[in-house]
Amino acid sequence: MTTRRKELPAKAAKKKNLSAIKRTRQTGKRNLRNSAVRSRIKTLSKKVEEAAAQKNKEQLGKLLRDITKAIQSAVSKGVLHKNTASRKVSRLSRLANTVLNAPAAS
């Protein structure tokens, strides 16, 4: 007893619209680049939060400059919206300032 699968009708061949093919190619490239940029921002954010938790002032200042630069670069490339970028920078700066401006424990 073998079960027979119902045969599906063959799909129609895709049309070879040159602009659609080019658009697909461009989208693929942008998707790779954008995901790499977003990944870098997330990694740097985690490093800033880690440095803040460890109260490492020297590393925190350097990382804050790096992430601000990376976020602004993402805005200029159109990966992030300017308000999103501003919010991320603001939150990370506020976190860093709590550590950097904290009175030294004696």
Protein backbone atom coordinates (compact mmCIF):
# COMPACT_ATOMS: atom_id res chain seq x y z
CA MET A 1 0.00 0.00 0.00
CA THR A 2 1.64 3.14 -1.14
CA THR A 3 0.17 6.55 -0.62
CA ARG A 4 -0.05 8.71 -3.66
CA ARG A 5 0.70 12.36 -3.36
CA LYS A 6 -1.48 14.78 -5.17
CA GLU A 7 0.53 16.50 -7.86
CA LEU A 8 0.48 20.26 -7.70
CA PRO A 9 0.28 22.25 -10.91
CA ALA A 10 3.63 23.63 -12.00
CA LYS A 11 4.28 27.24 -11.07
CA ALA A 12 4.47 29.73 -13.87
CA ALA A 13 7.99 30.86 -14.72
CA LYS A 14 8.99 34.19 -13.19
CA LYS A 15 9.10 37.06 -15.59
CA LYS A 16 12.51 38.49 -16.28
CA ASN A 17 11.83 42.09 -15.48
CA LEU A 18 15.29 43.67 -15.42
CA SER A 19 14.39 46.40 -12.95
CA ALA A 20 12.94 43.80 -10.55
CA ILE A 21 16.08 41.67 -10.84
CA LYS A 22 18.29 44.68 -10.14
CA ARG A 23 16.10 45.76 -7.22
CA THR A 24 16.39 42.27 -5.70
CA ARG A 25 20.18 42.40 -6.06
CA GLN A 26 20.35 45.84 -4.42
CA THR A 27 18.05 44.79 -1.59
CA GLY A 28 20.23 41.78 -0.83
CA LYS A 29 23.37 43.92 -0.63
CA ARG A 30 21.70 46.54 1.55
CA ASN A 31 20.24 43.89 3.82
CA LEU A 32 23.70 42.41 4.45
CA ARG A 33 25.28 45.80 5.07
CA ASN A 34 22.44 47.04 7.29
CA SER A 35 22.41 43.90 9.42
CA ALA A 36 26.18 44.17 9.92
CA VAL A 37 25.84 47.82 11.01
CA ARG A 38 22.98 47.00 13.41
CA SER A 39 24.93 44.08 14.84
CA ARG A 40 27.96 46.32 15.48
CA ILE A 41 25.77 48.86 17.28
CA LYS A 42 24.25 46.15 19.50
CA THR A 43 27.70 44.76 20.33
CA LEU A 44 29.06 48.18 21.24
CA SER A 45 25.96 48.92 23.34
CA LYS A 46 26.50 45.75 25.34
CA LYS A 47 30.16 46.68 25.87
CA VAL A 48 29.17 50.14 27.14
CA GLU A 49 26.67 48.60 29.56
CA GLU A 50 29.31 46.10 30.72
CA ALA A 51 31.88 48.85 31.30
CA ALA A 52 29.29 50.88 33.22
CA ALA A 53 28.49 47.88 35.42
CA GLN A 54 32.21 47.44 36.15
CA LYS A 55 32.62 51.19 36.69
CA ASN A 56 35.57 51.27 34.29
CA LYS A 57 35.75 55.02 33.53
CA GLU A 58 38.60 54.96 30.96
CA GLN A 59 37.07 52.20 28.87
CA LEU A 60 33.59 53.69 29.21
CA GLY A 61 34.65 57.05 27.76
CA LYS A 62 36.34 55.39 24.78
CA LEU A 63 33.41 53.06 24.12
CA LEU A 64 30.91 55.90 24.35
CA ARG A 65 32.80 57.82 21.65
CA ASP A 66 32.95 54.67 19.48
CA ILE A 67 29.25 53.91 19.74
CA THR A 68 28.24 57.52 19.11
CA LYS A 69 30.35 57.50 15.96
CA ALA A 70 28.88 54.15 14.84
CA ILE A 71 25.31 55.31 15.43
CA GLN A 72 25.83 58.59 13.54
CA SER A 73 27.37 56.62 10.69
CA ALA A 74 24.30 54.37 10.61
CA VAL A 75 22.05 57.43 10.41
CA SER A 76 24.00 58.85 7.49
CA LYS A 77 23.71 55.53 5.63
CA GLY A 78 19.98 55.36 6.30
CA VAL A 79 20.18 52.27 8.50
CA LEU A 80 18.72 54.03 11.55
CA HIS A 81 16.25 56.89 11.80
CA LYS A 82 17.72 60.02 13.38
CA ASN A 83 15.28 59.95 16.30
CA THR A 84 16.09 56.31 17.03
CA ALA A 85 19.79 57.14 16.96
CA SER A 86 19.29 60.14 19.23
CA ARG A 87 17.36 58.00 21.73
CA LYS A 88 20.07 55.31 21.77
CA VAL A 89 22.87 57.85 22.27
CA SER A 90 20.90 59.64 24.97
CA ARG A 91 20.23 56.47 26.96
CA LEU A 92 23.83 55.29 26.73
CA SER A 93 25.17 58.74 27.64
CA ARG A 94 22.88 58.92 30.65
CA LEU A 95 24.08 55.49 31.77
CA ALA A 96 27.72 56.49 31.28
CA ASN A 97 27.26 59.80 33.11
CA THR A 98 25.95 58.04 36.21
CA VAL A 99 29.30 56.23 36.40
CA LEU A 100 31.57 59.04 35.17
CA ASN A 101 30.06 61.73 37.41
CA ALA A 102 29.65 59.57 40.48
CA PRO A 103 31.62 60.76 43.51
CA ALA A 104 34.68 58.66 44.20
CA ALA A 105 34.08 56.18 47.00
CA SER A 106 36.56 56.58 49.83
